[in-house]
Amino acid sequence: MGLLDFLRRTGSKSKSYGKPMSIEDRPPWLEFPDHPPFALPVNQGDGEGYWFYEWTPFWNGLSAERKLKYLREHHAPGEWFEWLKPGGGQEEFRREADRG
């Protein structure tokens, strides 16, 4: 784990505002830079807490329009954009899981 990863996960203070970094400032492609969106280490340690208790509630609370705006504003890499966009891979994965 690099220094930036450690600081993000331990509630570091943001340089510009002196407040703890919010989940909105920590998209998953920055939290897990070495993992594609469909292969995250979410069943162990920090990954699980981040994904299930921080990111998912935040993301599910956004409208489809706001999700697209967020992805664009935070420069989501191609794989992440396709996975998280409304109607994208994540939603398709959930539909398949619900059927099975």
C-alpha atoms as a PDB file:
ATOM      1  CA  MET A   1       0.000   0.000   0.000  1.00  0.00           C
ATOM      2  CA  GLY A   2       1.380   3.392  -0.988  1.00  0.00           C
ATOM      3  CA  LEU A   3       1.346   6.459   1.203  1.00  0.00           C
ATOM      4  CA  LEU A   4      -1.616   8.024  -0.614  1.00  0.00           C
ATOM      5  CA  ASP A   5      -3.646   4.823  -0.254  1.00  0.00           C
ATOM      6  CA  PHE A   6      -2.838   4.716   3.456  1.00  0.00           C
ATOM      7  CA  LEU A   7      -3.825   8.346   3.964  1.00  0.00           C
ATOM      8  CA  ARG A   8      -7.091   7.881   2.055  1.00  0.00           C
ATOM      9  CA  ARG A   9      -8.062   4.841   4.069  1.00  0.00           C
ATOM     10  CA  THR A  10      -7.194   6.286   7.453  1.00  0.00           C
ATOM     11  CA  GLY A  11      -9.313   9.410   7.163  1.00  0.00           C
ATOM     12  CA  SER A  12      -6.627  11.851   6.160  1.00  0.00           C
ATOM     13  CA  LYS A  13      -7.345  15.548   6.044  1.00  0.00           C
ATOM     14  CA  SER A  14      -7.723  17.045   2.608  1.00  0.00           C
ATOM     15  CA  LYS A  15      -5.087  19.667   1.886  1.00  0.00           C
ATOM     16  CA  SER A  16      -7.453  22.309   0.658  1.00  0.00           C
ATOM     17  CA  TYR A  17     -10.194  22.256   3.284  1.00  0.00           C
ATOM     18  CA  GLY A  18      -8.732  20.580   6.371  1.00  0.00           C
ATOM     19  CA  LYS A  19     -11.695  18.201   6.532  1.00  0.00           C
ATOM     20  CA  PRO A  20     -11.678  14.407   6.263  1.00  0.00           C
ATOM     21  CA  MET A  21     -11.918  13.282   2.639  1.00  0.00           C
ATOM     22  CA  SER A  22     -15.449  12.366   1.707  1.00  0.00           C
ATOM     23  CA  ILE A  23     -16.410   9.342  -0.332  1.00  0.00           C
ATOM     24  CA  GLU A  24     -17.209  11.705  -3.196  1.00  0.00           C
ATOM     25  CA  ASP A  25     -13.502  12.581  -3.366  1.00  0.00           C
ATOM     26  CA  ARG A  26     -12.483   8.916  -3.440  1.00  0.00           C
ATOM     27  CA  PRO A  27     -13.787   7.148  -6.564  1.00  0.00           C
ATOM     28  CA  PRO A  28     -13.025   3.429  -6.790  1.00  0.00           C
ATOM     29  CA  TRP A  29     -10.583   3.816  -9.695  1.00  0.00           C
ATOM     30  CA  LEU A  30      -8.382   5.826  -7.306  1.00  0.00           C
ATOM     31  CA  GLU A  31      -8.973   3.519  -4.346  1.00  0.00           C
ATOM     32  CA  PHE A  32      -8.142   0.418  -6.401  1.00  0.00           C
ATOM     33  CA  PRO A  33      -5.899   1.652  -9.229  1.00  0.00           C
ATOM     34  CA  ASP A  34      -4.559  -1.835  -9.976  1.00  0.00           C
ATOM     35  CA  HIS A  35      -7.947  -3.535 -10.300  1.00  0.00           C
ATOM     36  CA  PRO A  36     -10.549  -3.467 -13.053  1.00  0.00           C
ATOM     37  CA  PRO A  37     -14.077  -2.692 -11.841  1.00  0.00           C
ATOM     38  CA  PHE A  38     -15.308  -6.268 -12.075  1.00  0.00           C
ATOM     39  CA  ALA A  39     -12.418  -7.727 -10.043  1.00  0.00           C
ATOM     40  CA  LEU A  40     -12.177  -5.624  -6.909  1.00  0.00           C
ATOM     41  CA  PRO A  41     -10.766  -6.999  -3.651  1.00  0.00           C
ATOM     42  CA  VAL A  42     -14.008  -6.283  -1.791  1.00  0.00           C
ATOM     43  CA  ASN A  43     -14.234  -9.414   0.315  1.00  0.00           C
ATOM     44  CA  GLN A  44     -11.285  -8.577   2.507  1.00  0.00           C
ATOM     45  CA  GLY A  45     -10.099  -5.766   4.733  1.00  0.00           C
ATOM     46  CA  ASP A  46     -10.355  -2.155   3.644  1.00  0.00           C
ATOM     47  CA  GLY A  47     -11.821  -3.021   0.255  1.00  0.00           C
ATOM     48  CA  GLU A  48     -14.943  -4.499   1.788  1.00  0.00           C
ATOM     49  CA  GLY A  49     -15.629  -1.537   4.062  1.00  0.00           C
ATOM     50  CA  TYR A  50     -15.006   0.966   1.312  1.00  0.00           C
ATOM     51  CA  TRP A  51     -17.134  -0.775  -1.314  1.00  0.00           C
ATOM     52  CA  PHE A  52     -20.123  -1.918   0.743  1.00  0.00           C
ATOM     53  CA  TYR A  53     -20.374   0.776   3.425  1.00  0.00           C
ATOM     54  CA  GLU A  54     -19.074   3.886   1.679  1.00  0.00           C
ATOM     55  CA  TRP A  55     -19.097   3.713  -2.106  1.00  0.00           C
ATOM     56  CA  THR A  56     -22.269   1.664  -2.775  1.00  0.00           C
ATOM     57  CA  PRO A  57     -24.594   3.779  -0.577  1.00  0.00           C
ATOM     58  CA  PHE A  58     -23.129   6.956  -2.066  1.00  0.00           C
ATOM     59  CA  TRP A  59     -23.456   5.691  -5.651  1.00  0.00           C
ATOM     60  CA  ASN A  60     -26.937   4.261  -5.216  1.00  0.00           C
ATOM     61  CA  GLY A  61     -28.101   7.616  -3.834  1.00  0.00           C
ATOM     62  CA  LEU A  62     -27.282   9.443  -7.080  1.00  0.00           C
ATOM     63  CA  SER A  63     -29.686   9.933  -9.952  1.00  0.00           C
ATOM     64  CA  ALA A  64     -28.710   8.600 -13.379  1.00  0.00           C
ATOM     65  CA  GLU A  65     -27.935  12.150 -14.511  1.00  0.00           C
ATOM     66  CA  ARG A  66     -25.741  12.816 -11.472  1.00  0.00           C
ATOM     67  CA  LYS A  67     -23.894   9.513 -11.953  1.00  0.00           C
ATOM     68  CA  LEU A  68     -22.921  10.494 -15.487  1.00  0.00           C
ATOM     69  CA  LYS A  69     -21.843  13.924 -14.306  1.00  0.00           C
ATOM     70  CA  TYR A  70     -19.753  12.378 -11.519  1.00  0.00           C
ATOM     71  CA  LEU A  71     -18.032   9.948 -13.894  1.00  0.00           C
ATOM     72  CA  ARG A  72     -17.148  12.774 -16.254  1.00  0.00           C
ATOM     73  CA  GLU A  73     -16.047  15.224 -13.564  1.00  0.00           C
ATOM     74  CA  HIS A  74     -13.848  12.629 -11.881  1.00  0.00           C
ATOM     75  CA  HIS A  75     -12.338  11.433 -15.170  1.00  0.00           C
ATOM     76  CA  ALA A  76     -13.411   7.815 -14.859  1.00  0.00           C
ATOM     77  CA  PRO A  77     -11.197   5.568 -16.990  1.00  0.00           C
ATOM     78  CA  GLY A  78     -12.986   3.753 -19.839  1.00  0.00           C
ATOM     79  CA  GLU A  79     -13.559   0.436 -18.046  1.00  0.00           C
ATOM     80  CA  TRP A  80     -14.869   2.198 -14.960  1.00  0.00           C
ATOM     81  CA  PHE A  81     -17.103   4.497 -16.983  1.00  0.00           C
ATOM     82  CA  GLU A  82     -18.645   1.560 -18.844  1.00  0.00           C
ATOM     83  CA  TRP A  83     -19.089  -0.425 -15.625  1.00  0.00           C
ATOM     84  CA  LEU A  84     -20.692   2.326 -13.532  1.00  0.00           C
ATOM     85  CA  LYS A  85     -22.697   4.330 -16.062  1.00  0.00           C
ATOM     86  CA  PRO A  86     -26.480   3.951 -15.802  1.00  0.00           C
ATOM     87  CA  GLY A  87     -27.420   0.775 -17.680  1.00  0.00           C
ATOM     88  CA  GLY A  88     -23.757  -0.293 -17.729  1.00  0.00           C
ATOM     89  CA  GLY A  89     -21.993  -3.452 -16.667  1.00  0.00           C
ATOM     90  CA  GLN A  90     -22.676  -3.188 -12.947  1.00  0.00           C
ATOM     91  CA  GLU A  91     -26.434  -2.948 -13.437  1.00  0.00           C
ATOM     92  CA  GLU A  92     -26.364  -5.782 -15.954  1.00  0.00           C
ATOM     93  CA  PHE A  93     -24.342  -7.906 -13.505  1.00  0.00           C
ATOM     94  CA  ARG A  94     -26.907  -7.263 -10.762  1.00  0.00           C
ATOM     95  CA  ARG A  95     -29.815  -8.209 -13.038  1.00  0.00           C
ATOM     96  CA  GLU A  96     -28.094 -11.469 -13.965  1.00  0.00           C
ATOM     97  CA  ALA A  97     -27.342 -12.239 -10.304  1.00  0.00           C
ATOM     98  CA  ASP A  98     -30.960 -11.595  -9.330  1.00  0.00           C
ATOM     99  CA  ARG A  99     -32.151 -14.038 -12.011  1.00  0.00           C
ATOM    100  CA  GLY A 100     -29.737 -16.777 -11.027  1.00  0.00           C
END
